[in-house]
Amino acid sequence: MGKFGAVALAVVFLSSSAPAAIQTFPTEFKTETIATNGARIYVRIGGAGPAVVLLHGFGETGDMWAPLAARLSRDHTVIVPDLRGLGLSSRPAGGYDKKTQGEDVAGLLDALKVDKVDLVTHDIGNMVGYAFAAEHPERVKKFVIIDAPLPGIGPWDDIIRSHALWHFSFYGPDAERLVKGRERIYLDRFWNEFSADPKKFDEASRAHYAKLYAQPGAMHAGFEQFKAFDQDATDNKAFVAKGMLTMPVLAVGGEKSFGPMMATVMRAAATNVQGAVVPNSGHWVMEENPAATIKLVEDFLR
């Protein structure tokens, strides 16, 4: 399992928006904010062809996907939202369970008049993507799920015993008071501990995300993503009881993070699973080894 073993299985995670060294989306991408399911979802859209949705995780935003979006937009319509509460999306009072956020994705696609999609997800985006795929399996053609576990699925109960995952239970008003004004310190912990080489998560990206997560209500929304894990586990067990996913799934782990265990987790929820490992990378595959990550995704989707 690599350096972080089961620990990194369950990391919760981050995305990017872009000054300085952060790669921006191609100029032909447009942005809009779409009201759906009680939230206003900020989304980037570009390219032409079959649709692919890219979902980010904690500590990042949809900005993390810019290099992959640029490549896929050559022959795909690429749709990159910020999850509810994060980035430039709205911060409703509730709805941070992943089943509700899966319906955010469904409503977003309905508004864009998009039926079937390929799905590429990372971190908490995995959990949202799985809920969407489980609720709407007919809408997902292929699913690439990257370096984070699913609550209630496979070895989840073992994963959450790890002391390194204390942040799963770190939420509430006092936690928010502790982090307020210290968002960068809190986020650096994730970027440093769950990377193979912390220098790969560069200063420009750190400053960019820290600024976004310091916005009013942003850390509260991030903590609410964790707080919902118990409900997510209940919902996911019900999804599996209804039936396994049958679309082709590529389960990707960072070599120094989840590694081949990602495929083990997904085989508890899906019948057609391939495993892959991003070499020389921890959890932050798009920052640590974007070339290898992009190639894995492109080869699988095409």
C-alpha atoms as a PDB file:
ATOM      1  CA  MET A   1       0.000   0.000   0.000  1.00  0.00           C
ATOM      2  CA  GLY A   2       2.795   2.558   0.011  1.00  0.00           C
ATOM      3  CA  LYS A   3       3.862   5.114   2.522  1.00  0.00           C
ATOM      4  CA  PHE A   4       0.528   6.204   3.926  1.00  0.00           C
ATOM      5  CA  GLY A   5      -1.173   2.825   3.587  1.00  0.00           C
ATOM      6  CA  ALA A   6      -4.700   2.680   4.857  1.00  0.00           C
ATOM      7  CA  VAL A   7      -4.287   6.162   6.284  1.00  0.00           C
ATOM      8  CA  ALA A   8      -4.227   7.871   2.948  1.00  0.00           C
ATOM      9  CA  LEU A   9      -7.159   5.791   1.879  1.00  0.00           C
ATOM     10  CA  ALA A  10      -9.343   8.130   3.715  1.00  0.00           C
ATOM     11  CA  VAL A  11      -7.771  11.485   3.303  1.00  0.00           C
ATOM     12  CA  VAL A  12     -10.059  14.376   2.588  1.00  0.00           C
ATOM     13  CA  PHE A  13      -8.840  16.703   0.118  1.00  0.00           C
ATOM     14  CA  LEU A  14      -8.257  19.750  -1.945  1.00  0.00           C
ATOM     15  CA  SER A  15      -8.642  21.579  -5.365  1.00  0.00           C
ATOM     16  CA  SER A  16      -7.396  24.710  -7.149  1.00  0.00           C
ATOM     17  CA  SER A  17      -8.206  28.191  -8.543  1.00  0.00           C
ATOM     18  CA  ALA A  18      -5.431  30.085 -10.232  1.00  0.00           C
ATOM     19  CA  PRO A  19      -2.977  32.933  -9.788  1.00  0.00           C
ATOM     20  CA  ALA A  20       0.789  32.778 -10.308  1.00  0.00           C
ATOM     21  CA  ALA A  21       1.972  29.278 -11.156  1.00  0.00           C
ATOM     22  CA  ILE A  22      -1.479  27.714 -11.094  1.00  0.00           C
ATOM     23  CA  GLN A  23      -2.551  26.561 -14.522  1.00  0.00           C
ATOM     24  CA  THR A  24      -5.711  28.247 -15.729  1.00  0.00           C
ATOM     25  CA  PHE A  25      -8.464  26.758 -17.863  1.00  0.00           C
ATOM     26  CA  PRO A  26      -8.281  27.341 -21.630  1.00  0.00           C
ATOM     27  CA  THR A  27      -9.707  30.691 -22.672  1.00  0.00           C
ATOM     28  CA  GLU A  28     -12.566  29.054 -24.556  1.00  0.00           C
ATOM     29  CA  PHE A  29     -13.997  27.679 -21.306  1.00  0.00           C
ATOM     30  CA  LYS A  30     -16.958  29.660 -20.029  1.00  0.00           C
ATOM     31  CA  THR A  31     -18.142  29.901 -16.438  1.00  0.00           C
ATOM     32  CA  GLU A  32     -21.622  30.195 -15.031  1.00  0.00           C
ATOM     33  CA  THR A  33     -23.516  29.676 -11.807  1.00  0.00           C
ATOM     34  CA  ILE A  34     -26.480  27.309 -12.011  1.00  0.00           C
ATOM     35  CA  ALA A  35     -29.222  27.141  -9.378  1.00  0.00           C
ATOM     36  CA  THR A  36     -30.213  23.565  -8.596  1.00  0.00           C
ATOM     37  CA  ASN A  37     -31.298  21.432  -5.653  1.00  0.00           C
ATOM     38  CA  GLY A  38     -31.162  24.303  -3.165  1.00  0.00           C
ATOM     39  CA  ALA A  39     -27.649  25.431  -4.110  1.00  0.00           C
ATOM     40  CA  ARG A  40     -25.962  27.640  -6.696  1.00  0.00           C
ATOM     41  CA  ILE A  41     -23.209  25.642  -8.362  1.00  0.00           C
ATOM     42  CA  TYR A  42     -20.312  27.425 -10.033  1.00  0.00           C
ATOM     43  CA  VAL A  43     -19.200  25.506 -13.110  1.00  0.00           C
ATOM     44  CA  ARG A  44     -16.596  25.751 -15.877  1.00  0.00           C
ATOM     45  CA  ILE A  45     -17.597  24.348 -19.284  1.00  0.00           C
ATOM     46  CA  GLY A  46     -15.525  23.931 -22.437  1.00  0.00           C
ATOM     47  CA  GLY A  47     -14.741  21.746 -25.413  1.00  0.00           C
ATOM     48  CA  ALA A  48     -17.063  19.694 -27.607  1.00  0.00           C
ATOM     49  CA  GLY A  49     -17.996  16.049 -27.860  1.00  0.00           C
ATOM     50  CA  PRO A  50     -19.074  13.448 -25.286  1.00  0.00           C
ATOM     51  CA  ALA A  51     -19.471  14.978 -21.841  1.00  0.00           C
ATOM     52  CA  VAL A  52     -17.119  14.356 -18.929  1.00  0.00           C
ATOM     53  CA  VAL A  53     -17.625  15.683 -15.388  1.00  0.00           C
ATOM     54  CA  LEU A  54     -14.624  16.352 -13.111  1.00  0.00           C
ATOM     55  CA  LEU A  55     -15.281  16.523  -9.344  1.00  0.00           C
ATOM     56  CA  HIS A  56     -12.746  17.868  -6.830  1.00  0.00           C
ATOM     57  CA  GLY A  57     -12.305  17.274  -3.104  1.00  0.00           C
ATOM     58  CA  PHE A  58     -11.591  19.093   0.145  1.00  0.00           C
ATOM     59  CA  GLY A  59      -8.782  21.653   0.244  1.00  0.00           C
ATOM     60  CA  GLU A  60      -9.100  22.285  -3.473  1.00  0.00           C
ATOM     61  CA  THR A  61     -11.734  23.447  -5.935  1.00  0.00           C
ATOM     62  CA  GLY A  62     -12.495  22.575  -9.539  1.00  0.00           C
ATOM     63  CA  ASP A  63      -9.376  24.581 -10.407  1.00  0.00           C
ATOM     64  CA  MET A  64      -7.271  21.490  -9.669  1.00  0.00           C
ATOM     65  CA  TRP A  65      -8.474  19.948 -12.924  1.00  0.00           C
ATOM     66  CA  ALA A  66      -7.265  22.689 -15.314  1.00  0.00           C
ATOM     67  CA  PRO A  67      -4.460  20.617 -16.947  1.00  0.00           C
ATOM     68  CA  LEU A  68      -6.730  17.594 -17.424  1.00  0.00           C
ATOM     69  CA  ALA A  69      -9.609  19.755 -18.656  1.00  0.00           C
ATOM     70  CA  ALA A  70      -7.356  21.318 -21.289  1.00  0.00           C
ATOM     71  CA  ARG A  71      -6.445  17.883 -22.639  1.00  0.00           C
ATOM     72  CA  LEU A  72      -9.915  16.355 -22.524  1.00  0.00           C
ATOM     73  CA  SER A  73     -11.564  19.393 -24.121  1.00  0.00           C
ATOM     74  CA  ARG A  74      -9.929  18.464 -27.438  1.00  0.00           C
ATOM     75  CA  ASP A  75     -12.622  15.826 -27.921  1.00  0.00           C
ATOM     76  CA  HIS A  76     -14.970  16.102 -24.923  1.00  0.00           C
ATOM     77  CA  THR A  77     -17.365  18.619 -23.470  1.00  0.00           C
ATOM     78  CA  VAL A  78     -15.724  19.135 -20.075  1.00  0.00           C
ATOM     79  CA  ILE A  79     -17.869  20.150 -17.076  1.00  0.00           C
ATOM     80  CA  VAL A  80     -16.042  21.166 -13.892  1.00  0.00           C
ATOM     81  CA  PRO A  81     -18.173  22.309 -10.942  1.00  0.00           C
ATOM     82  CA  ASP A  82     -17.178  23.466  -7.479  1.00  0.00           C
ATOM     83  CA  LEU A  83     -18.950  21.299  -4.913  1.00  0.00           C
ATOM     84  CA  ARG A  84     -21.674  22.905  -2.826  1.00  0.00           C
ATOM     85  CA  GLY A  85     -20.165  25.084  -0.113  1.00  0.00           C
ATOM     86  CA  LEU A  86     -16.692  25.124  -1.665  1.00  0.00           C
ATOM     87  CA  GLY A  87     -14.860  27.381  -4.086  1.00  0.00           C
ATOM     88  CA  LEU A  88     -17.232  29.782  -5.816  1.00  0.00           C
ATOM     89  CA  SER A  89     -20.406  27.746  -5.263  1.00  0.00           C
ATOM     90  CA  SER A  90     -22.962  28.845  -2.674  1.00  0.00           C
ATOM     91  CA  ARG A  91     -22.858  27.744   0.953  1.00  0.00           C
ATOM     92  CA  PRO A  92     -26.356  26.545   1.878  1.00  0.00           C
ATOM     93  CA  ALA A  93     -27.110  25.665   5.476  1.00  0.00           C
ATOM     94  CA  GLY A  94     -27.394  21.953   4.763  1.00  0.00           C
ATOM     95  CA  GLY A  95     -27.187  19.260   2.119  1.00  0.00           C
ATOM     96  CA  TYR A  96     -23.561  18.199   2.618  1.00  0.00           C
ATOM     97  CA  ASP A  97     -24.375  14.517   2.627  1.00  0.00           C
ATOM     98  CA  LYS A  98     -23.068  13.062  -0.612  1.00  0.00           C
ATOM     99  CA  LYS A  99     -26.433  11.704  -1.732  1.00  0.00           C
ATOM    100  CA  THR A 100     -27.770  15.273  -1.819  1.00  0.00           C
ATOM    101  CA  GLN A 101     -24.642  16.469  -3.604  1.00  0.00           C
ATOM    102  CA  GLY A 102     -25.035  13.683  -6.143  1.00  0.00           C
ATOM    103  CA  GLU A 103     -28.378  15.285  -6.935  1.00  0.00           C
ATOM    104  CA  ASP A 104     -26.571  18.608  -7.313  1.00  0.00           C
ATOM    105  CA  VAL A 105     -24.641  16.951 -10.142  1.00  0.00           C
ATOM    106  CA  ALA A 106     -27.815  15.511 -11.663  1.00  0.00           C
ATOM    107  CA  GLY A 107     -29.541  18.905 -11.534  1.00  0.00           C
ATOM    108  CA  LEU A 108     -26.514  20.636 -13.019  1.00  0.00           C
ATOM    109  CA  LEU A 109     -26.483  18.217 -15.954  1.00  0.00           C
ATOM    110  CA  ASP A 110     -30.231  18.611 -16.427  1.00  0.00           C
ATOM    111  CA  ALA A 111     -29.802  22.396 -16.596  1.00  0.00           C
ATOM    112  CA  LEU A 112     -27.063  21.943 -19.199  1.00  0.00           C
ATOM    113  CA  LYS A 113     -29.235  19.427 -21.112  1.00  0.00           C
ATOM    114  CA  VAL A 114     -26.580  16.735 -20.766  1.00  0.00           C
ATOM    115  CA  ASP A 115     -27.750  13.148 -20.325  1.00  0.00           C
ATOM    116  CA  LYS A 116     -24.856  10.670 -20.157  1.00  0.00           C
ATOM    117  CA  VAL A 117     -21.354  11.468 -18.915  1.00  0.00           C
ATOM    118  CA  ASP A 118     -18.006  10.020 -18.064  1.00  0.00           C
ATOM    119  CA  LEU A 119     -17.062  10.798 -14.476  1.00  0.00           C
ATOM    120  CA  VAL A 120     -13.612  11.632 -13.063  1.00  0.00           C
ATOM    121  CA  THR A 121     -13.374  12.280  -9.325  1.00  0.00           C
ATOM    122  CA  HIS A 122     -10.854  12.834  -6.528  1.00  0.00           C
ATOM    123  CA  ASP A 123     -11.120  12.838  -2.736  1.00  0.00           C
ATOM    124  CA  ILE A 124     -14.568  13.958  -1.515  1.00  0.00           C
ATOM    125  CA  GLY A 125     -15.480  14.211  -5.178  1.00  0.00           C
ATOM    126  CA  ASN A 126     -15.263  10.393  -5.140  1.00  0.00           C
ATOM    127  CA  MET A 127     -18.043  10.250  -2.579  1.00  0.00           C
ATOM    128  CA  VAL A 128     -20.260  12.675  -4.498  1.00  0.00           C
ATOM    129  CA  GLY A 129     -19.521  10.880  -7.763  1.00  0.00           C
ATOM    130  CA  TYR A 130     -20.318   7.480  -6.303  1.00  0.00           C
ATOM    131  CA  ALA A 131     -23.658   8.720  -4.966  1.00  0.00           C
ATOM    132  CA  PHE A 132     -24.515  10.192  -8.374  1.00  0.00           C
ATOM    133  CA  ALA A 133     -23.511   6.963 -10.154  1.00  0.00           C
ATOM    134  CA  ALA A 134     -25.438   4.805  -7.689  1.00  0.00           C
ATOM    135  CA  GLU A 135     -28.581   6.913  -8.002  1.00  0.00           C
ATOM    136  CA  HIS A 136     -28.280   7.398 -11.780  1.00  0.00           C
ATOM    137  CA  PRO A 137     -26.261   4.473 -13.158  1.00  0.00           C
ATOM    138  CA  GLU A 138     -27.819   4.898 -16.584  1.00  0.00           C
ATOM    139  CA  ARG A 139     -26.199   8.343 -16.858  1.00  0.00           C
ATOM    140  CA  VAL A 140     -22.593   7.272 -16.180  1.00  0.00           C
ATOM    141  CA  LYS A 141     -20.694   5.596 -19.007  1.00  0.00           C
ATOM    142  CA  LYS A 142     -17.278   5.281 -17.323  1.00  0.00           C
ATOM    143  CA  PHE A 143     -16.066   6.235 -13.851  1.00  0.00           C
ATOM    144  CA  VAL A 144     -12.494   7.169 -12.867  1.00  0.00           C
ATOM    145  CA  ILE A 145     -12.212   7.397  -9.066  1.00  0.00           C
ATOM    146  CA  ILE A 146      -8.963   8.660  -7.548  1.00  0.00           C
ATOM    147  CA  ASP A 147      -7.315   8.156  -4.164  1.00  0.00           C
ATOM    148  CA  ALA A 148      -9.947   8.329  -1.448  1.00  0.00           C
ATOM    149  CA  PRO A 149     -12.302   5.793   0.143  1.00  0.00           C
ATOM    150  CA  LEU A 150     -16.078   5.669   0.238  1.00  0.00           C
ATOM    151  CA  PRO A 151     -17.856   5.873   3.614  1.00  0.00           C
ATOM    152  CA  GLY A 152     -19.353   2.531   4.566  1.00  0.00           C
ATOM    153  CA  ILE A 153     -17.785   0.680   1.619  1.00  0.00           C
ATOM    154  CA  GLY A 154     -15.165  -2.075   1.854  1.00  0.00           C
ATOM    155  CA  PRO A 155     -12.515  -1.401   4.558  1.00  0.00           C
ATOM    156  CA  TRP A 156     -14.101   1.844   5.752  1.00  0.00           C
ATOM    157  CA  ASP A 157     -14.407   0.754   9.389  1.00  0.00           C
ATOM    158  CA  ASP A 158     -10.701  -0.072   9.504  1.00  0.00           C
ATOM    159  CA  ILE A 159      -9.719   3.146   7.740  1.00  0.00           C
ATOM    160  CA  ILE A 160     -11.450   5.459  10.180  1.00  0.00           C
ATOM    161  CA  ARG A 161      -9.562   3.949  13.132  1.00  0.00           C
ATOM    162  CA  SER A 162      -6.352   5.600  11.916  1.00  0.00           C
ATOM    163  CA  HIS A 163      -5.133   8.418  14.176  1.00  0.00           C
ATOM    164  CA  ALA A 164      -4.035  10.290  11.060  1.00  0.00           C
ATOM    165  CA  LEU A 165      -7.688  10.754  10.146  1.00  0.00           C
ATOM    166  CA  TRP A 166      -8.645  12.739  13.230  1.00  0.00           C
ATOM    167  CA  HIS A 167      -9.947  15.467  10.925  1.00  0.00           C
ATOM    168  CA  PHE A 168     -12.932  13.291  10.044  1.00  0.00           C
ATOM    169  CA  SER A 169     -14.331  14.149  13.487  1.00  0.00           C
ATOM    170  CA  PHE A 170     -13.032  17.728  13.617  1.00  0.00           C
ATOM    171  CA  TYR A 171     -16.005  20.024  13.105  1.00  0.00           C
ATOM    172  CA  GLY A 172     -18.380  22.243  14.987  1.00  0.00           C
ATOM    173  CA  PRO A 173     -18.317  25.846  16.237  1.00  0.00           C
ATOM    174  CA  ASP A 174     -15.204  25.468  18.390  1.00  0.00           C
ATOM    175  CA  ALA A 175     -13.249  23.810  15.590  1.00  0.00           C
ATOM    176  CA  GLU A 176     -14.236  26.674  13.321  1.00  0.00           C
ATOM    177  CA  ARG A 177     -13.074  29.222  15.895  1.00  0.00           C
ATOM    178  CA  LEU A 178      -9.727  27.465  16.193  1.00  0.00           C
ATOM    179  CA  VAL A 179      -9.144  27.506  12.427  1.00  0.00           C
ATOM    180  CA  LYS A 180     -10.520  30.989  11.683  1.00  0.00           C
ATOM    181  CA  GLY A 181      -7.641  33.163  10.491  1.00  0.00           C
ATOM    182  CA  ARG A 182      -5.399  30.078  10.453  1.00  0.00           C
ATOM    183  CA  GLU A 183      -6.846  28.361   7.394  1.00  0.00           C
ATOM    184  CA  ARG A 184      -3.429  28.100   5.752  1.00  0.00           C
ATOM    185  CA  ILE A 185      -1.962  26.277   8.779  1.00  0.00           C
ATOM    186  CA  TYR A 186      -4.831  23.798   8.781  1.00  0.00           C
ATOM    187  CA  LEU A 187      -4.659  23.168   5.031  1.00  0.00           C
ATOM    188  CA  ASP A 188      -0.874  22.852   4.991  1.00  0.00           C
ATOM    189  CA  ARG A 189      -1.304  19.814   7.213  1.00  0.00           C
ATOM    190  CA  PHE A 190      -3.191  18.019   4.426  1.00  0.00           C
ATOM    191  CA  TRP A 191      -0.911  19.137   1.619  1.00  0.00           C
ATOM    192  CA  ASN A 192       2.225  18.175   3.555  1.00  0.00           C
ATOM    193  CA  GLU A 193       1.245  14.910   5.233  1.00  0.00           C
ATOM    194  CA  PHE A 194      -0.576  13.351   2.308  1.00  0.00           C
ATOM    195  CA  SER A 195       1.937  14.103  -0.421  1.00  0.00           C
ATOM    196  CA  ALA A 196       4.986  12.066  -1.352  1.00  0.00           C
ATOM    197  CA  ASP A 197       6.959  15.321  -1.698  1.00  0.00           C
ATOM    198  CA  PRO A 198       5.307  18.413  -0.154  1.00  0.00           C
ATOM    199  CA  LYS A 199       7.232  20.685  -2.524  1.00  0.00           C
ATOM    200  CA  LYS A 200       5.122  19.326  -5.402  1.00  0.00           C
ATOM    201  CA  PHE A 201       2.121  21.161  -3.944  1.00  0.00           C
ATOM    202  CA  ASP A 202       3.594  24.540  -4.782  1.00  0.00           C
ATOM    203  CA  GLU A 203       3.324  27.812  -2.909  1.00  0.00           C
ATOM    204  CA  ALA A 204       1.129  29.490  -5.520  1.00  0.00           C
ATOM    205  CA  SER A 205      -1.438  26.682  -5.242  1.00  0.00           C
ATOM    206  CA  ARG A 206      -1.334  26.790  -1.448  1.00  0.00           C
ATOM    207  CA  ALA A 207      -1.868  30.540  -1.347  1.00  0.00           C
ATOM    208  CA  HIS A 208      -4.667  30.298  -3.869  1.00  0.00           C
ATOM    209  CA  TYR A 209      -6.636  27.615  -2.039  1.00  0.00           C
ATOM    210  CA  ALA A 210      -6.012  29.068   1.392  1.00  0.00           C
ATOM    211  CA  LYS A 211      -7.545  32.335   0.199  1.00  0.00           C
ATOM    212  CA  LEU A 212     -10.628  30.544  -1.120  1.00  0.00           C
ATOM    213  CA  TYR A 213     -11.063  28.537   2.077  1.00  0.00           C
ATOM    214  CA  ALA A 214     -10.710  31.704   4.164  1.00  0.00           C
ATOM    215  CA  GLN A 215     -13.874  33.128   2.569  1.00  0.00           C
ATOM    216  CA  PRO A 216     -16.820  33.514   4.974  1.00  0.00           C
ATOM    217  CA  GLY A 217     -18.453  30.157   5.575  1.00  0.00           C
ATOM    218  CA  ALA A 218     -15.992  28.154   3.496  1.00  0.00           C
ATOM    219  CA  MET A 219     -14.342  26.239   6.333  1.00  0.00           C
ATOM    220  CA  HIS A 220     -17.747  25.607   7.898  1.00  0.00           C
ATOM    221  CA  ALA A 221     -18.884  24.046   4.614  1.00  0.00           C
ATOM    222  CA  GLY A 222     -15.693  21.989   4.440  1.00  0.00           C
ATOM    223  CA  PHE A 223     -16.223  20.661   7.954  1.00  0.00           C
ATOM    224  CA  GLU A 224     -19.827  19.849   7.086  1.00  0.00           C
ATOM    225  CA  GLN A 225     -18.520  17.540   4.334  1.00  0.00           C
ATOM    226  CA  PHE A 226     -16.800  15.473   7.062  1.00  0.00           C
ATOM    227  CA  LYS A 227     -19.671  15.720   9.516  1.00  0.00           C
ATOM    228  CA  ALA A 228     -21.925  14.006   6.955  1.00  0.00           C
ATOM    229  CA  PHE A 229     -19.753  10.858   6.728  1.00  0.00           C
ATOM    230  CA  ASP A 230     -21.943   8.814   9.080  1.00  0.00           C
ATOM    231  CA  GLN A 231     -24.995   9.551   6.944  1.00  0.00           C
ATOM    232  CA  ASP A 232     -22.948   8.897   3.813  1.00  0.00           C
ATOM    233  CA  ALA A 233     -21.953   5.462   5.157  1.00  0.00           C
ATOM    234  CA  THR A 234     -25.612   4.602   5.782  1.00  0.00           C
ATOM    235  CA  ASP A 235     -26.599   5.785   2.312  1.00  0.00           C
ATOM    236  CA  ASN A 236     -23.733   3.948   0.607  1.00  0.00           C
ATOM    237  CA  LYS A 237     -24.557   0.661   2.298  1.00  0.00           C
ATOM    238  CA  ALA A 238     -28.103   1.061   0.994  1.00  0.00           C
ATOM    239  CA  PHE A 239     -26.768   1.767  -2.506  1.00  0.00           C
ATOM    240  CA  VAL A 240     -24.676  -1.430  -2.466  1.00  0.00           C
ATOM    241  CA  ALA A 241     -27.624  -3.432  -1.145  1.00  0.00           C
ATOM    242  CA  LYS A 242     -29.646  -2.228  -4.141  1.00  0.00           C
ATOM    243  CA  GLY A 243     -26.976  -3.315  -6.596  1.00  0.00           C
ATOM    244  CA  MET A 244     -23.345  -2.934  -7.597  1.00  0.00           C
ATOM    245  CA  LEU A 245     -22.215  -0.414 -10.188  1.00  0.00           C
ATOM    246  CA  THR A 246     -21.776  -2.124 -13.549  1.00  0.00           C
ATOM    247  CA  MET A 247     -20.169   0.594 -15.708  1.00  0.00           C
ATOM    248  CA  PRO A 248     -16.384   0.309 -16.272  1.00  0.00           C
ATOM    249  CA  VAL A 249     -14.516   1.765 -13.288  1.00  0.00           C
ATOM    250  CA  LEU A 250     -10.858   2.784 -13.134  1.00  0.00           C
ATOM    251  CA  ALA A 251      -9.746   2.949  -9.486  1.00  0.00           C
ATOM    252  CA  VAL A 252      -6.563   5.008  -9.191  1.00  0.00           C
ATOM    253  CA  GLY A 253      -4.301   5.388  -6.176  1.00  0.00           C
ATOM    254  CA  GLY A 254      -1.171   7.429  -5.645  1.00  0.00           C
ATOM    255  CA  GLU A 255       1.871   5.167  -5.253  1.00  0.00           C
ATOM    256  CA  LYS A 256       2.743   6.677  -1.861  1.00  0.00           C
ATOM    257  CA  SER A 257      -0.876   6.944  -0.790  1.00  0.00           C
ATOM    258  CA  PHE A 258      -3.783   4.643  -1.526  1.00  0.00           C
ATOM    259  CA  GLY A 259      -1.987   2.698  -4.235  1.00  0.00           C
ATOM    260  CA  PRO A 260      -3.620  -0.597  -5.304  1.00  0.00           C
ATOM    261  CA  MET A 261      -5.999  -0.511  -2.325  1.00  0.00           C
ATOM    262  CA  MET A 262      -8.193   1.852  -4.317  1.00  0.00           C
ATOM    263  CA  ALA A 263      -9.216  -1.056  -6.545  1.00  0.00           C
ATOM    264  CA  THR A 264      -9.907  -3.204  -3.468  1.00  0.00           C
ATOM    265  CA  VAL A 265     -12.307  -0.595  -2.145  1.00  0.00           C
ATOM    266  CA  MET A 266     -14.133  -0.217  -5.445  1.00  0.00           C
ATOM    267  CA  ARG A 267     -14.542  -3.957  -5.939  1.00  0.00           C
ATOM    268  CA  ALA A 268     -16.839  -3.821  -2.913  1.00  0.00           C
ATOM    269  CA  ALA A 269     -19.117  -1.442  -4.848  1.00  0.00           C
ATOM    270  CA  ALA A 270     -18.680  -2.258  -8.546  1.00  0.00           C
ATOM    271  CA  THR A 271     -18.381  -5.337 -10.757  1.00  0.00           C
ATOM    272  CA  ASN A 272     -16.147  -4.039 -13.567  1.00  0.00           C
ATOM    273  CA  VAL A 273     -13.069  -2.520 -11.893  1.00  0.00           C
ATOM    274  CA  GLN A 274      -9.566  -1.928 -13.194  1.00  0.00           C
ATOM    275  CA  GLY A 275      -6.851  -0.708 -10.851  1.00  0.00           C
ATOM    276  CA  ALA A 276      -4.047   1.738 -11.609  1.00  0.00           C
ATOM    277  CA  VAL A 277      -1.308   3.491  -9.649  1.00  0.00           C
ATOM    278  CA  VAL A 278       0.135   6.973 -10.224  1.00  0.00           C
ATOM    279  CA  PRO A 279       3.899   6.588  -9.684  1.00  0.00           C
ATOM    280  CA  ASN A 280       5.932   9.033  -7.588  1.00  0.00           C
ATOM    281  CA  SER A 281       2.815  10.557  -6.079  1.00  0.00           C
ATOM    282  CA  GLY A 282       0.961  10.756  -2.833  1.00  0.00           C
ATOM    283  CA  HIS A 283      -2.663  11.819  -2.565  1.00  0.00           C
ATOM    284  CA  TRP A 284      -2.375  14.975  -4.674  1.00  0.00           C
ATOM    285  CA  VAL A 285      -1.977  13.269  -8.024  1.00  0.00           C
ATOM    286  CA  MET A 286      -2.762  16.317 -10.190  1.00  0.00           C
ATOM    287  CA  GLU A 287      -0.086  18.343  -8.418  1.00  0.00           C
ATOM    288  CA  GLU A 288       2.486  15.591  -7.875  1.00  0.00           C
ATOM    289  CA  ASN A 289       2.383  13.724 -11.189  1.00  0.00           C
ATOM    290  CA  PRO A 290      -0.113  15.349 -13.557  1.00  0.00           C
ATOM    291  CA  ALA A 291       1.361  13.788 -16.710  1.00  0.00           C
ATOM    292  CA  ALA A 292       0.893  10.215 -15.499  1.00  0.00           C
ATOM    293  CA  THR A 293      -2.560  10.995 -14.085  1.00  0.00           C
ATOM    294  CA  ILE A 294      -3.747  12.606 -17.320  1.00  0.00           C
ATOM    295  CA  LYS A 295      -2.471   9.678 -19.382  1.00  0.00           C
ATOM    296  CA  LEU A 296      -4.306   7.150 -17.194  1.00  0.00           C
ATOM    297  CA  VAL A 297      -7.557   9.097 -17.490  1.00  0.00           C
ATOM    298  CA  GLU A 298      -7.240   9.717 -21.236  1.00  0.00           C
ATOM    299  CA  ASP A 299      -6.377   6.098 -22.022  1.00  0.00           C
ATOM    300  CA  PHE A 300      -9.319   4.803 -19.988  1.00  0.00           C
ATOM    301  CA  LEU A 301     -11.892   7.230 -21.387  1.00  0.00           C
ATOM    302  CA  ARG A 302     -10.761   6.820 -25.005  1.00  0.00           C
END
